[in-house]
Amino acid sequence: MPKRFSAYALFLIWHSFYSFSISQAYAFSMDKSSSLREQCEISLGADAISIVSYMPDQSRDRFCDEFPFPGNILLTFDLISARLRDLPIDIRLVHEPNGSLGNEQDLEKHTVSFTEQKTYPAGAIVISNNFLQSGNYAAILTVHEPFGVTRTTRFGFRIGGKLLYYTPAMLAAIFLFGMVYAYCYGRKRA
């Protein structure tokens, strides 16, 4: 009986891990817009900008600041403040291999994509980029106000770290194995 049970338990663990890992890798989202909205917003002074991101080739889910793996990513910036919709804005996507970039020279060297300044009267900025490697990135938005004043904000995000997305499956498998083990071997001793 124990050998047959062990084989069955191993099959259940493998099946659970495989099922969860496939669904986690392709459909896990960082949809923080409903419960943890503050993590999907940045501010530009007193003006708020909401961020929702998608990986259209991989999933229909929404992401915030963590993506499971490189690929095509759509970053959507919603200009909540109507005042921002009338001001020219430029967007620079940068790769930050060693943390936040400080000076202009580093920005130029690590720029992945740059969108020239323009106004967005509809209030939505959509940036699509195919990220080829894992790592830390940032979207730097610069608003050009009248009289030559500029304001800048940074939205940092991470691409990669697939192991984090397997954690729920691994924990579920360990829990399941523990329950089955306790049930079978606990009954024997009683």
Protein backbone atom coordinates (compact mmCIF):
# COMPACT_ATOMS: atom_id res chain seq x y z
CA MET A 1 0.00 0.00 0.00
CA PRO A 2 2.68 2.60 0.84
CA LYS A 3 4.50 2.10 -2.50
CA ARG A 4 1.32 2.54 -4.48
CA PHE A 5 0.39 5.55 -2.39
CA SER A 6 3.85 7.10 -2.83
CA ALA A 7 3.62 6.74 -6.60
CA TYR A 8 0.16 8.31 -6.58
CA ALA A 9 1.31 11.15 -4.32
CA LEU A 10 4.29 11.85 -6.57
CA PHE A 11 2.02 11.89 -9.60
CA LEU A 12 -0.32 14.37 -7.89
CA ILE A 13 2.58 16.62 -6.93
CA TRP A 14 4.04 16.53 -10.44
CA HIS A 15 0.64 17.17 -12.01
CA SER A 16 -0.09 20.07 -9.61
CA PHE A 17 3.31 21.63 -10.20
CA TYR A 18 3.02 21.25 -13.98
CA SER A 19 -0.53 22.65 -14.10
CA PHE A 20 0.24 25.61 -11.86
CA SER A 21 3.55 26.38 -13.53
CA ILE A 22 2.03 26.53 -17.01
CA SER A 23 -0.83 28.74 -15.90
CA GLN A 24 1.48 30.91 -13.81
CA ALA A 25 4.00 31.42 -16.60
CA TYR A 26 1.44 32.40 -19.18
CA ALA A 27 -1.33 34.06 -17.23
CA PHE A 28 0.05 35.48 -13.99
CA SER A 29 -0.51 39.20 -13.77
CA MET A 30 0.48 41.93 -11.42
CA ASP A 31 -2.98 43.46 -11.55
CA LYS A 32 -2.60 45.87 -8.69
CA SER A 33 -4.96 48.42 -10.16
CA SER A 34 -7.89 47.25 -8.08
CA SER A 35 -6.55 46.43 -4.62
CA LEU A 36 -3.12 48.08 -4.50
CA ARG A 37 -3.74 51.00 -6.80
CA GLU A 38 -1.06 53.22 -5.24
CA GLN A 39 1.62 50.94 -6.65
CA CYS A 40 0.34 51.49 -10.21
CA GLU A 41 0.36 55.25 -10.01
CA ILE A 42 3.13 57.75 -10.15
CA SER A 43 2.91 61.43 -9.46
CA LEU A 44 4.32 64.37 -11.29
CA GLY A 45 4.17 67.01 -8.62
CA ALA A 46 0.50 67.18 -7.66
CA ASP A 47 -0.61 65.47 -10.89
CA ALA A 48 -1.31 61.72 -10.84
CA ILE A 49 -0.57 59.31 -13.68
CA SER A 50 -2.07 55.81 -13.63
CA ILE A 51 -0.16 52.93 -15.26
CA VAL A 52 -1.49 49.67 -16.67
CA SER A 53 0.69 47.37 -18.75
CA TYR A 54 0.03 44.39 -20.98
CA MET A 55 1.96 41.57 -22.62
CA PRO A 56 -0.35 41.09 -25.64
CA ASP A 57 1.61 38.17 -27.11
CA GLN A 58 1.52 36.19 -23.84
CA SER A 59 -1.59 37.04 -21.86
CA ARG A 60 -4.69 39.20 -21.72
CA ASP A 61 -3.99 40.07 -18.08
CA ARG A 62 -2.87 43.43 -16.79
CA PHE A 63 0.50 43.99 -15.18
CA CYS A 64 1.93 46.77 -13.08
CA ASP A 65 5.66 46.86 -12.41
CA GLU A 66 6.77 43.22 -12.72
CA PHE A 67 6.75 41.10 -15.85
CA PRO A 68 7.55 37.37 -15.84
CA PHE A 69 9.80 37.35 -18.90
CA PRO A 70 11.03 39.56 -21.78
CA GLY A 71 8.86 40.18 -24.81
CA ASN A 72 6.49 42.72 -26.30
CA ILE A 73 5.12 45.00 -23.56
CA LEU A 74 2.53 47.77 -23.88
CA LEU A 75 2.87 50.47 -21.23
CA THR A 76 -0.26 52.61 -20.89
CA PHE A 77 -0.01 55.88 -18.98
CA ASP A 78 -3.38 57.47 -18.13
CA LEU A 79 -3.05 61.20 -17.56
CA ILE A 80 -5.57 61.60 -14.75
CA SER A 81 -5.02 65.32 -14.45
CA ALA A 82 -6.66 67.19 -17.34
CA ARG A 83 -3.92 69.83 -17.12
CA LEU A 84 -1.28 67.33 -18.28
CA ARG A 85 -3.24 66.63 -21.47
CA ASP A 86 -2.44 70.08 -22.84
CA LEU A 87 1.30 69.96 -22.15
CA PRO A 88 3.95 68.32 -24.37
CA ILE A 89 5.40 65.14 -22.84
CA ASP A 90 8.34 62.99 -23.93
CA ILE A 91 8.92 59.42 -22.79
CA ARG A 92 12.25 57.62 -22.51
CA LEU A 93 12.55 53.91 -21.72
CA VAL A 94 15.92 53.03 -20.21
CA HIS A 95 17.62 49.83 -19.08
CA GLU A 96 19.04 50.21 -15.57
CA PRO A 97 21.57 47.41 -15.11
CA ASN A 98 23.05 48.82 -11.87
CA GLY A 99 20.16 50.73 -10.31
CA SER A 100 18.70 54.15 -11.07
CA LEU A 101 20.54 56.16 -13.67
CA GLY A 102 21.55 59.62 -12.60
CA ASN A 103 23.14 61.76 -15.26
CA GLU A 104 22.19 62.57 -18.85
CA GLN A 105 25.15 60.65 -20.28
CA ASP A 106 23.98 57.40 -18.67
CA LEU A 107 20.45 57.99 -19.94
CA GLU A 108 21.62 58.29 -23.54
CA LYS A 109 23.79 55.20 -23.29
CA HIS A 110 21.05 53.00 -21.79
CA THR A 111 18.04 54.31 -23.74
CA VAL A 112 15.91 51.54 -25.19
CA SER A 113 13.23 53.74 -26.74
CA PHE A 114 12.52 57.47 -26.95
CA THR A 115 9.26 59.18 -27.93
CA GLU A 116 9.57 62.84 -28.89
CA GLN A 117 7.52 65.38 -26.99
CA LYS A 118 3.91 65.84 -28.02
CA THR A 119 0.55 66.47 -26.40
CA TYR A 120 -1.94 63.75 -25.56
CA PRO A 121 -5.40 65.39 -25.56
CA ALA A 122 -7.18 62.03 -25.15
CA GLY A 123 -5.25 61.49 -21.91
CA ALA A 124 -3.66 58.13 -22.77
CA ILE A 125 -0.04 57.49 -23.68
CA VAL A 126 0.61 54.02 -25.10
CA ILE A 127 4.20 52.89 -25.56
CA SER A 128 4.93 49.52 -27.15
CA ASN A 129 8.40 48.02 -26.97
CA ASN A 130 9.90 44.57 -27.46
CA PHE A 131 12.21 44.04 -24.48
CA LEU A 132 14.87 41.48 -25.36
CA GLN A 133 16.50 40.89 -21.99
CA SER A 134 15.55 40.59 -18.34
CA GLY A 135 16.49 43.26 -15.85
CA ASN A 136 15.47 46.56 -14.32
CA TYR A 137 13.99 49.25 -16.55
CA ALA A 138 12.41 52.65 -16.12
CA ALA A 139 10.06 54.88 -18.05
CA ILE A 140 11.04 58.51 -17.62
CA LEU A 141 8.29 61.00 -18.43
CA THR A 142 9.24 64.64 -18.91
CA VAL A 143 6.54 67.32 -19.05
CA HIS A 144 7.46 70.58 -20.78
CA GLU A 145 5.56 73.41 -19.13
CA PRO A 146 5.27 76.96 -20.42
CA PHE A 147 8.25 79.31 -19.96
CA GLY A 148 10.81 76.50 -20.35
CA VAL A 149 10.10 74.68 -17.08
CA THR A 150 10.35 70.88 -17.20
CA ARG A 151 9.17 68.31 -14.67
CA THR A 152 10.30 64.68 -14.71
CA THR A 153 9.01 61.51 -13.09
CA ARG A 154 10.27 57.95 -13.17
CA PHE A 155 8.35 54.65 -13.25
CA GLY A 156 10.61 51.68 -12.51
CA PHE A 157 9.71 48.13 -13.50
CA ARG A 158 11.33 44.70 -13.63
CA ILE A 159 11.33 42.12 -16.40
CA GLY A 160 12.26 38.52 -15.62
CA GLY A 161 12.54 36.51 -12.46
CA LYS A 162 10.35 33.61 -13.58
CA LEU A 163 11.10 31.68 -10.38
CA LEU A 164 8.86 34.05 -8.43
CA TYR A 165 5.93 32.96 -10.56
CA TYR A 166 6.50 29.28 -9.76
CA THR A 167 6.46 29.87 -6.00
CA PRO A 168 2.68 29.38 -5.55
CA ALA A 169 2.85 26.06 -7.43
CA MET A 170 5.79 24.86 -5.34
CA LEU A 171 4.08 25.82 -2.09
CA ALA A 172 0.86 24.09 -3.18
CA ALA A 173 2.78 20.91 -4.02
CA ILE A 174 4.58 20.91 -0.67
CA PHE A 175 1.31 21.49 1.17
CA LEU A 176 -0.44 18.74 -0.77
CA PHE A 177 2.37 16.28 -0.13
CA GLY A 178 2.36 17.15 3.58
CA MET A 179 -1.39 16.62 3.84
CA VAL A 180 -1.26 13.27 2.06
CA TYR A 181 1.72 12.14 4.14
CA ALA A 182 0.05 13.15 7.40
CA TYR A 183 -3.17 11.42 6.41
CA CYS A 184 -1.61 8.11 5.37
CA TYR A 185 1.14 7.73 7.92
CA GLY A 186 -0.82 9.37 10.72
CA ARG A 187 -3.57 6.74 10.37
CA LYS A 188 -1.06 3.92 10.61
CA ARG A 189 0.24 4.97 14.02
CA ALA A 190 -3.14 5.55 15.57
